[in-house]
Amino acid sequence: MVVLAVNLLALREFFHISSYSDDNVLFLLTLISGSFLNIGGYLWGERGVLSLLPLFLLVLFISRFFVNEDIKGSVNSIGFGLLGLIFISLLLSYIILIGHLHSGRNILTLVLFDVWCVDTFAYYTGKNWGRQRLSPVVSPNKTIEGSIGGFAGGIIFAVLLWGIFFRYLPFFYVLLLSCGVGILAQLGDLAESLFKRWAGVKDSGSIFPGHGGMLDRIDSLLFILPFTYYLTVIFSI
């Protein structure tokens, strides 16, 4: 239920700040489709998520056949709805899939703490020693030095957590996981920054006063979830 609520709030913000906020048909279909992706993951696991996505793409196409708009607008709206389904609903569904794994909840705890560490180290390293811009157009405040600091800090923190709380996990698995977190957390943040630049807004919402919206809170996590799931499956943990 928590994942479903987060998904719905994030999708709402995704539409609210875009030029498609008045397209009620597209908005409703995307909300319903995204919810069923989460439910499919809970009921049927990975197959439930991946098998439903093509069906919902078909639904988005069919919905445009009966909406009075120009062809270019129809194609763009399909792409936008699909982007919301994949970037938010599909990726969030991997939280549910990870939870189904034997050590899934503990691994999620490790990942969440490590994401927080990457964000914290990137912020303070960039603030104190940042000089070279990482992506000036997308996110002018992010620096290469901050990115390196976040990546290194995430690895160090994950190894410390492994030594104290997670010794039952293979060390090489934790090392690979932390490397992935260090890269993908920052790419997720940049991906949402790109979307906000396109929409011309500073934050995706205001549900957390002073910290933006739900999408601002989960962006660093989105790309990490499928990586964590498949890495854990490969290691049979």
C-alpha atoms as a PDB file:
ATOM      1  CA  MET A   1       0.000   0.000   0.000  1.00  0.00           C
ATOM      2  CA  VAL A   2       2.865   2.392   0.752  1.00  0.00           C
ATOM      3  CA  VAL A   3       4.451   1.804  -2.659  1.00  0.00           C
ATOM      4  CA  LEU A   4       1.071   2.285  -4.344  1.00  0.00           C
ATOM      5  CA  ALA A   5       0.506   5.583  -2.513  1.00  0.00           C
ATOM      6  CA  VAL A   6       4.011   6.833  -3.376  1.00  0.00           C
ATOM      7  CA  ASN A   7       3.467   5.838  -6.998  1.00  0.00           C
ATOM      8  CA  LEU A   8       0.168   7.715  -7.251  1.00  0.00           C
ATOM      9  CA  LEU A   9       1.568  10.862  -5.617  1.00  0.00           C
ATOM     10  CA  ALA A  10       4.643  10.838  -7.864  1.00  0.00           C
ATOM     11  CA  LEU A  11       2.552  10.332 -11.016  1.00  0.00           C
ATOM     12  CA  ARG A  12       0.250  13.155  -9.966  1.00  0.00           C
ATOM     13  CA  GLU A  13       3.244  15.498  -9.597  1.00  0.00           C
ATOM     14  CA  PHE A  14       4.666  14.234 -12.889  1.00  0.00           C
ATOM     15  CA  PHE A  15       1.509  15.353 -14.690  1.00  0.00           C
ATOM     16  CA  HIS A  16       0.858  18.455 -12.600  1.00  0.00           C
ATOM     17  CA  ILE A  17       4.059  20.236 -13.613  1.00  0.00           C
ATOM     18  CA  SER A  18       3.787  19.295 -17.285  1.00  0.00           C
ATOM     19  CA  SER A  19       1.819  20.600 -20.233  1.00  0.00           C
ATOM     20  CA  TYR A  20      -0.358  17.460 -20.017  1.00  0.00           C
ATOM     21  CA  SER A  21      -1.921  18.355 -16.652  1.00  0.00           C
ATOM     22  CA  ASP A  22      -5.294  19.081 -18.322  1.00  0.00           C
ATOM     23  CA  ASP A  23      -5.437  15.797 -20.239  1.00  0.00           C
ATOM     24  CA  ASN A  24      -7.743  13.998 -17.816  1.00  0.00           C
ATOM     25  CA  VAL A  25      -8.056  10.858 -19.952  1.00  0.00           C
ATOM     26  CA  LEU A  26      -4.296  10.369 -20.214  1.00  0.00           C
ATOM     27  CA  PHE A  27      -3.844  11.198 -16.518  1.00  0.00           C
ATOM     28  CA  LEU A  28      -6.493   8.725 -15.357  1.00  0.00           C
ATOM     29  CA  LEU A  29      -5.295   5.918 -17.631  1.00  0.00           C
ATOM     30  CA  THR A  30      -1.711   6.399 -16.480  1.00  0.00           C
ATOM     31  CA  LEU A  31      -2.734   6.350 -12.809  1.00  0.00           C
ATOM     32  CA  ILE A  32      -4.771   3.170 -13.289  1.00  0.00           C
ATOM     33  CA  SER A  33      -2.081   1.479 -15.368  1.00  0.00           C
ATOM     34  CA  GLY A  34       0.658   2.447 -12.918  1.00  0.00           C
ATOM     35  CA  SER A  35      -1.372   1.107 -10.002  1.00  0.00           C
ATOM     36  CA  PHE A  36      -1.911  -2.218 -11.753  1.00  0.00           C
ATOM     37  CA  LEU A  37       1.837  -2.499 -12.404  1.00  0.00           C
ATOM     38  CA  ASN A  38       2.414  -2.284  -8.646  1.00  0.00           C
ATOM     39  CA  ILE A  39      -0.399  -4.727  -7.923  1.00  0.00           C
ATOM     40  CA  GLY A  40       0.871  -7.093 -10.614  1.00  0.00           C
ATOM     41  CA  GLY A  41       4.297  -7.093  -8.972  1.00  0.00           C
ATOM     42  CA  TYR A  42       2.748  -7.919  -5.615  1.00  0.00           C
ATOM     43  CA  LEU A  43       0.548 -10.747  -6.949  1.00  0.00           C
ATOM     44  CA  TRP A  44       2.684 -12.312  -9.676  1.00  0.00           C
ATOM     45  CA  GLY A  45       6.198 -10.974  -9.224  1.00  0.00           C
ATOM     46  CA  GLU A  46       8.403  -9.986 -12.132  1.00  0.00           C
ATOM     47  CA  ARG A  47       6.134 -11.620 -14.712  1.00  0.00           C
ATOM     48  CA  GLY A  48       3.203  -9.611 -13.422  1.00  0.00           C
ATOM     49  CA  VAL A  49       5.069  -6.338 -13.944  1.00  0.00           C
ATOM     50  CA  LEU A  50       6.686  -6.980 -17.307  1.00  0.00           C
ATOM     51  CA  SER A  51       3.688  -8.686 -18.916  1.00  0.00           C
ATOM     52  CA  LEU A  52       1.293  -5.852 -18.045  1.00  0.00           C
ATOM     53  CA  LEU A  53       3.427  -3.050 -19.478  1.00  0.00           C
ATOM     54  CA  PRO A  54       2.780  -3.881 -23.193  1.00  0.00           C
ATOM     55  CA  LEU A  55      -0.941  -4.142 -22.420  1.00  0.00           C
ATOM     56  CA  PHE A  56      -0.997  -0.658 -20.932  1.00  0.00           C
ATOM     57  CA  LEU A  57       0.946   0.722 -23.880  1.00  0.00           C
ATOM     58  CA  LEU A  58      -1.826  -0.659 -26.099  1.00  0.00           C
ATOM     59  CA  VAL A  59      -4.425   1.025 -23.860  1.00  0.00           C
ATOM     60  CA  LEU A  60      -2.634   4.372 -24.256  1.00  0.00           C
ATOM     61  CA  PHE A  61      -2.670   3.992 -28.042  1.00  0.00           C
ATOM     62  CA  ILE A  62      -6.356   3.073 -28.111  1.00  0.00           C
ATOM     63  CA  SER A  63      -7.250   6.057 -25.934  1.00  0.00           C
ATOM     64  CA  ARG A  64      -5.698   8.431 -28.461  1.00  0.00           C
ATOM     65  CA  PHE A  65      -7.856   7.044 -31.282  1.00  0.00           C
ATOM     66  CA  PHE A  66     -10.900   8.703 -29.736  1.00  0.00           C
ATOM     67  CA  VAL A  67      -9.439  11.989 -28.509  1.00  0.00           C
ATOM     68  CA  ASN A  68      -9.896  15.061 -30.688  1.00  0.00           C
ATOM     69  CA  GLU A  69      -6.335  16.347 -31.065  1.00  0.00           C
ATOM     70  CA  ASP A  70      -3.740  16.599 -33.817  1.00  0.00           C
ATOM     71  CA  ILE A  71      -1.690  13.536 -34.688  1.00  0.00           C
ATOM     72  CA  LYS A  72       1.554  15.002 -33.374  1.00  0.00           C
ATOM     73  CA  GLY A  73      -0.132  15.814 -30.070  1.00  0.00           C
ATOM     74  CA  SER A  74      -1.474  12.264 -29.815  1.00  0.00           C
ATOM     75  CA  VAL A  75       1.927  10.683 -30.358  1.00  0.00           C
ATOM     76  CA  ASN A  76       3.584  13.059 -27.886  1.00  0.00           C
ATOM     77  CA  SER A  77       0.963  12.305 -25.226  1.00  0.00           C
ATOM     78  CA  ILE A  78       1.456   8.550 -25.661  1.00  0.00           C
ATOM     79  CA  GLY A  79       5.196   9.039 -25.170  1.00  0.00           C
ATOM     80  CA  PHE A  80       4.605  11.157 -22.079  1.00  0.00           C
ATOM     81  CA  GLY A  81       2.222   8.647 -20.511  1.00  0.00           C
ATOM     82  CA  LEU A  82       4.628   5.796 -21.232  1.00  0.00           C
ATOM     83  CA  LEU A  83       7.499   7.786 -19.727  1.00  0.00           C
ATOM     84  CA  GLY A  84       5.504   8.169 -16.510  1.00  0.00           C
ATOM     85  CA  LEU A  85       4.664   4.463 -16.449  1.00  0.00           C
ATOM     86  CA  ILE A  86       8.271   3.370 -16.942  1.00  0.00           C
ATOM     87  CA  PHE A  87      10.179   6.019 -14.981  1.00  0.00           C
ATOM     88  CA  ILE A  88       7.861   5.972 -11.967  1.00  0.00           C
ATOM     89  CA  SER A  89       5.462   3.022 -11.812  1.00  0.00           C
ATOM     90  CA  LEU A  90       7.616   0.312 -13.390  1.00  0.00           C
ATOM     91  CA  LEU A  91      10.796   1.228 -11.530  1.00  0.00           C
ATOM     92  CA  LEU A  92       8.962   1.598  -8.208  1.00  0.00           C
ATOM     93  CA  SER A  93       7.459  -1.871  -8.696  1.00  0.00           C
ATOM     94  CA  TYR A  94      10.938  -3.300  -8.175  1.00  0.00           C
ATOM     95  CA  ILE A  95      10.659  -2.380  -4.476  1.00  0.00           C
ATOM     96  CA  ILE A  96       7.909  -4.986  -4.301  1.00  0.00           C
ATOM     97  CA  LEU A  97       9.968  -7.513  -6.266  1.00  0.00           C
ATOM     98  CA  ILE A  98      12.981  -7.003  -3.988  1.00  0.00           C
ATOM     99  CA  GLY A  99      10.717  -7.479  -0.975  1.00  0.00           C
ATOM    100  CA  HIS A 100       9.761 -10.921  -2.311  1.00  0.00           C
ATOM    101  CA  LEU A 101      13.405 -12.068  -2.222  1.00  0.00           C
ATOM    102  CA  HIS A 102      14.764 -14.025   0.741  1.00  0.00           C
ATOM    103  CA  SER A 103      16.881 -11.153   2.150  1.00  0.00           C
ATOM    104  CA  GLY A 104      14.984  -8.466   0.285  1.00  0.00           C
ATOM    105  CA  ARG A 105      13.895  -6.277   3.185  1.00  0.00           C
ATOM    106  CA  ASN A 106      17.368  -6.159   4.695  1.00  0.00           C
ATOM    107  CA  ILE A 107      18.872  -5.366   1.301  1.00  0.00           C
ATOM    108  CA  LEU A 108      16.363  -2.552   0.809  1.00  0.00           C
ATOM    109  CA  THR A 109      17.410  -1.144   4.188  1.00  0.00           C
ATOM    110  CA  LEU A 110      21.054  -1.224   3.107  1.00  0.00           C
ATOM    111  CA  VAL A 111      20.216   0.448  -0.206  1.00  0.00           C
ATOM    112  CA  LEU A 112      18.120   3.211   1.368  1.00  0.00           C
ATOM    113  CA  PHE A 113      20.841   4.109   3.859  1.00  0.00           C
ATOM    114  CA  ASP A 114      23.468   4.047   1.115  1.00  0.00           C
ATOM    115  CA  VAL A 115      21.406   6.317  -1.163  1.00  0.00           C
ATOM    116  CA  TRP A 116      21.090   8.791   1.690  1.00  0.00           C
ATOM    117  CA  CYS A 117      24.861   8.619   2.205  1.00  0.00           C
ATOM    118  CA  VAL A 118      25.607   9.182  -1.498  1.00  0.00           C
ATOM    119  CA  ASP A 119      23.327  12.231  -1.577  1.00  0.00           C
ATOM    120  CA  THR A 120      24.838  13.615   1.639  1.00  0.00           C
ATOM    121  CA  PHE A 121      28.471  13.127   0.611  1.00  0.00           C
ATOM    122  CA  ALA A 122      27.798  14.518  -2.877  1.00  0.00           C
ATOM    123  CA  TYR A 123      26.184  17.621  -1.399  1.00  0.00           C
ATOM    124  CA  TYR A 124      28.895  18.425   1.157  1.00  0.00           C
ATOM    125  CA  THR A 125      31.801  17.533  -1.124  1.00  0.00           C
ATOM    126  CA  GLY A 126      30.369  19.650  -3.908  1.00  0.00           C
ATOM    127  CA  LYS A 127      29.590  22.542  -1.577  1.00  0.00           C
ATOM    128  CA  ASN A 128      33.086  22.684  -0.094  1.00  0.00           C
ATOM    129  CA  TRP A 129      35.345  21.571  -2.947  1.00  0.00           C
ATOM    130  CA  GLY A 130      33.213  21.615  -6.087  1.00  0.00           C
ATOM    131  CA  ARG A 131      34.669  23.564  -9.004  1.00  0.00           C
ATOM    132  CA  GLN A 132      33.859  21.791 -12.287  1.00  0.00           C
ATOM    133  CA  ARG A 133      30.213  21.561 -13.300  1.00  0.00           C
ATOM    134  CA  LEU A 134      28.925  18.045 -13.893  1.00  0.00           C
ATOM    135  CA  SER A 135      25.955  18.937 -16.112  1.00  0.00           C
ATOM    136  CA  PRO A 136      25.634  22.746 -16.390  1.00  0.00           C
ATOM    137  CA  VAL A 137      22.462  22.741 -18.478  1.00  0.00           C
ATOM    138  CA  VAL A 138      20.527  20.115 -16.524  1.00  0.00           C
ATOM    139  CA  SER A 139      21.709  20.815 -12.963  1.00  0.00           C
ATOM    140  CA  PRO A 140      24.085  23.805 -12.625  1.00  0.00           C
ATOM    141  CA  ASN A 141      24.779  23.228  -8.916  1.00  0.00           C
ATOM    142  CA  LYS A 142      26.120  19.690  -9.289  1.00  0.00           C
ATOM    143  CA  THR A 143      29.872  19.300  -9.669  1.00  0.00           C
ATOM    144  CA  ILE A 144      32.246  16.553 -10.741  1.00  0.00           C
ATOM    145  CA  GLU A 145      33.978  16.753  -7.363  1.00  0.00           C
ATOM    146  CA  GLY A 146      30.652  16.323  -5.589  1.00  0.00           C
ATOM    147  CA  SER A 147      29.790  13.351  -7.783  1.00  0.00           C
ATOM    148  CA  ILE A 148      33.099  11.657  -6.998  1.00  0.00           C
ATOM    149  CA  GLY A 149      32.638  12.389  -3.298  1.00  0.00           C
ATOM    150  CA  GLY A 150      29.162  10.871  -3.329  1.00  0.00           C
ATOM    151  CA  PHE A 151      30.364   7.770  -5.165  1.00  0.00           C
ATOM    152  CA  ALA A 152      33.325   7.204  -2.821  1.00  0.00           C
ATOM    153  CA  GLY A 153      31.302   8.006   0.307  1.00  0.00           C
ATOM    154  CA  GLY A 154      28.608   5.532  -0.691  1.00  0.00           C
ATOM    155  CA  ILE A 155      31.124   2.707  -1.096  1.00  0.00           C
ATOM    156  CA  ILE A 156      32.839   3.448   2.220  1.00  0.00           C
ATOM    157  CA  PHE A 157      29.527   3.676   4.061  1.00  0.00           C
ATOM    158  CA  ALA A 158      28.205   0.438   2.535  1.00  0.00           C
ATOM    159  CA  VAL A 159      31.384  -1.439   3.496  1.00  0.00           C
ATOM    160  CA  LEU A 160      31.077  -0.124   7.062  1.00  0.00           C
ATOM    161  CA  LEU A 161      27.449  -1.238   7.223  1.00  0.00           C
ATOM    162  CA  TRP A 162      28.443  -4.620   5.844  1.00  0.00           C
ATOM    163  CA  GLY A 163      31.102  -5.018   8.532  1.00  0.00           C
ATOM    164  CA  ILE A 164      28.660  -4.146  11.343  1.00  0.00           C
ATOM    165  CA  PHE A 165      25.237  -5.427  10.266  1.00  0.00           C
ATOM    166  CA  PHE A 166      25.372  -7.374   6.982  1.00  0.00           C
ATOM    167  CA  ARG A 167      28.269  -9.823   7.242  1.00  0.00           C
ATOM    168  CA  TYR A 168      26.014 -12.637   6.009  1.00  0.00           C
ATOM    169  CA  LEU A 169      25.944 -10.952   2.565  1.00  0.00           C
ATOM    170  CA  PRO A 170      28.850 -11.650   0.171  1.00  0.00           C
ATOM    171  CA  PHE A 171      31.362  -8.804   0.332  1.00  0.00           C
ATOM    172  CA  PHE A 172      31.731  -8.641  -3.462  1.00  0.00           C
ATOM    173  CA  TYR A 173      27.943  -8.329  -3.785  1.00  0.00           C
ATOM    174  CA  VAL A 174      27.869  -5.379  -1.346  1.00  0.00           C
ATOM    175  CA  LEU A 175      30.791  -3.768  -3.171  1.00  0.00           C
ATOM    176  CA  LEU A 176      29.067  -4.055  -6.557  1.00  0.00           C
ATOM    177  CA  LEU A 177      25.793  -2.891  -5.053  1.00  0.00           C
ATOM    178  CA  SER A 178      27.395   0.199  -3.537  1.00  0.00           C
ATOM    179  CA  CYS A 179      29.132   1.050  -6.823  1.00  0.00           C
ATOM    180  CA  GLY A 180      25.798   0.807  -8.606  1.00  0.00           C
ATOM    181  CA  VAL A 181      24.116   2.951  -5.965  1.00  0.00           C
ATOM    182  CA  GLY A 182      26.882   5.564  -6.209  1.00  0.00           C
ATOM    183  CA  ILE A 183      26.333   5.936  -9.950  1.00  0.00           C
ATOM    184  CA  LEU A 184      22.616   5.330 -10.359  1.00  0.00           C
ATOM    185  CA  ALA A 185      21.493   7.521  -7.449  1.00  0.00           C
ATOM    186  CA  GLN A 186      23.110  10.501  -9.122  1.00  0.00           C
ATOM    187  CA  LEU A 187      21.796   9.582 -12.568  1.00  0.00           C
ATOM    188  CA  GLY A 188      18.265   9.322 -11.171  1.00  0.00           C
ATOM    189  CA  ASP A 189      18.597  12.760  -9.648  1.00  0.00           C
ATOM    190  CA  LEU A 190      19.853  14.159 -12.952  1.00  0.00           C
ATOM    191  CA  ALA A 191      17.013  12.465 -14.844  1.00  0.00           C
ATOM    192  CA  GLU A 192      14.415  14.209 -12.716  1.00  0.00           C
ATOM    193  CA  SER A 193      16.340  17.491 -12.981  1.00  0.00           C
ATOM    194  CA  LEU A 194      16.160  17.156 -16.761  1.00  0.00           C
ATOM    195  CA  PHE A 195      12.396  16.723 -16.562  1.00  0.00           C
ATOM    196  CA  LYS A 196      12.010  19.726 -14.228  1.00  0.00           C
ATOM    197  CA  ARG A 197      14.155  21.862 -16.556  1.00  0.00           C
ATOM    198  CA  TRP A 198      11.873  20.865 -19.407  1.00  0.00           C
ATOM    199  CA  ALA A 199       8.806  21.768 -17.316  1.00  0.00           C
ATOM    200  CA  GLY A 200      10.391  24.993 -16.052  1.00  0.00           C
ATOM    201  CA  VAL A 201       9.933  24.299 -12.326  1.00  0.00           C
ATOM    202  CA  LYS A 202      12.260  24.096  -9.337  1.00  0.00           C
ATOM    203  CA  ASP A 203      10.511  21.268  -7.455  1.00  0.00           C
ATOM    204  CA  SER A 204       8.079  18.572  -8.546  1.00  0.00           C
ATOM    205  CA  GLY A 205       5.713  19.489  -5.692  1.00  0.00           C
ATOM    206  CA  SER A 206       5.427  20.847  -2.182  1.00  0.00           C
ATOM    207  CA  ILE A 207       4.267  17.852  -0.152  1.00  0.00           C
ATOM    208  CA  PHE A 208       7.469  18.122   1.916  1.00  0.00           C
ATOM    209  CA  PRO A 209       7.854  21.828   2.803  1.00  0.00           C
ATOM    210  CA  GLY A 210      11.371  22.965   1.976  1.00  0.00           C
ATOM    211  CA  HIS A 211      12.240  19.636   0.338  1.00  0.00           C
ATOM    212  CA  GLY A 212       9.990  19.539  -2.708  1.00  0.00           C
ATOM    213  CA  GLY A 213       7.571  16.818  -3.745  1.00  0.00           C
ATOM    214  CA  MET A 214       7.368  13.046  -3.629  1.00  0.00           C
ATOM    215  CA  LEU A 215       9.175  12.698  -6.949  1.00  0.00           C
ATOM    216  CA  ASP A 216      12.020  14.831  -5.569  1.00  0.00           C
ATOM    217  CA  ARG A 217      12.311  12.381  -2.655  1.00  0.00           C
ATOM    218  CA  ILE A 218      12.419   9.178  -4.709  1.00  0.00           C
ATOM    219  CA  ASP A 219      14.304  10.229  -7.857  1.00  0.00           C
ATOM    220  CA  SER A 220      17.682   8.975  -6.562  1.00  0.00           C
ATOM    221  CA  LEU A 221      16.166   5.571  -5.866  1.00  0.00           C
ATOM    222  CA  LEU A 222      14.380   4.800  -9.131  1.00  0.00           C
ATOM    223  CA  PHE A 223      17.227   3.498 -11.322  1.00  0.00           C
ATOM    224  CA  ILE A 224      18.754   1.658  -8.371  1.00  0.00           C
ATOM    225  CA  LEU A 225      15.774  -0.618  -7.731  1.00  0.00           C
ATOM    226  CA  PRO A 226      15.941  -2.816 -10.872  1.00  0.00           C
ATOM    227  CA  PHE A 227      19.745  -2.929 -10.584  1.00  0.00           C
ATOM    228  CA  THR A 228      19.442  -4.134  -6.979  1.00  0.00           C
ATOM    229  CA  TYR A 229      16.826  -6.723  -7.880  1.00  0.00           C
ATOM    230  CA  TYR A 230      18.711  -8.320 -10.768  1.00  0.00           C
ATOM    231  CA  LEU A 231      22.069  -8.177  -8.967  1.00  0.00           C
ATOM    232  CA  THR A 232      20.496  -9.967  -5.993  1.00  0.00           C
ATOM    233  CA  VAL A 233      18.933 -12.574  -8.275  1.00  0.00           C
ATOM    234  CA  ILE A 234      22.281 -13.189  -9.968  1.00  0.00           C
ATOM    235  CA  PHE A 235      23.947 -13.733  -6.587  1.00  0.00           C
ATOM    236  CA  SER A 236      20.980 -15.918  -5.477  1.00  0.00           C
ATOM    237  CA  ILE A 237      20.697 -14.072  -2.173  1.00  0.00           C
END
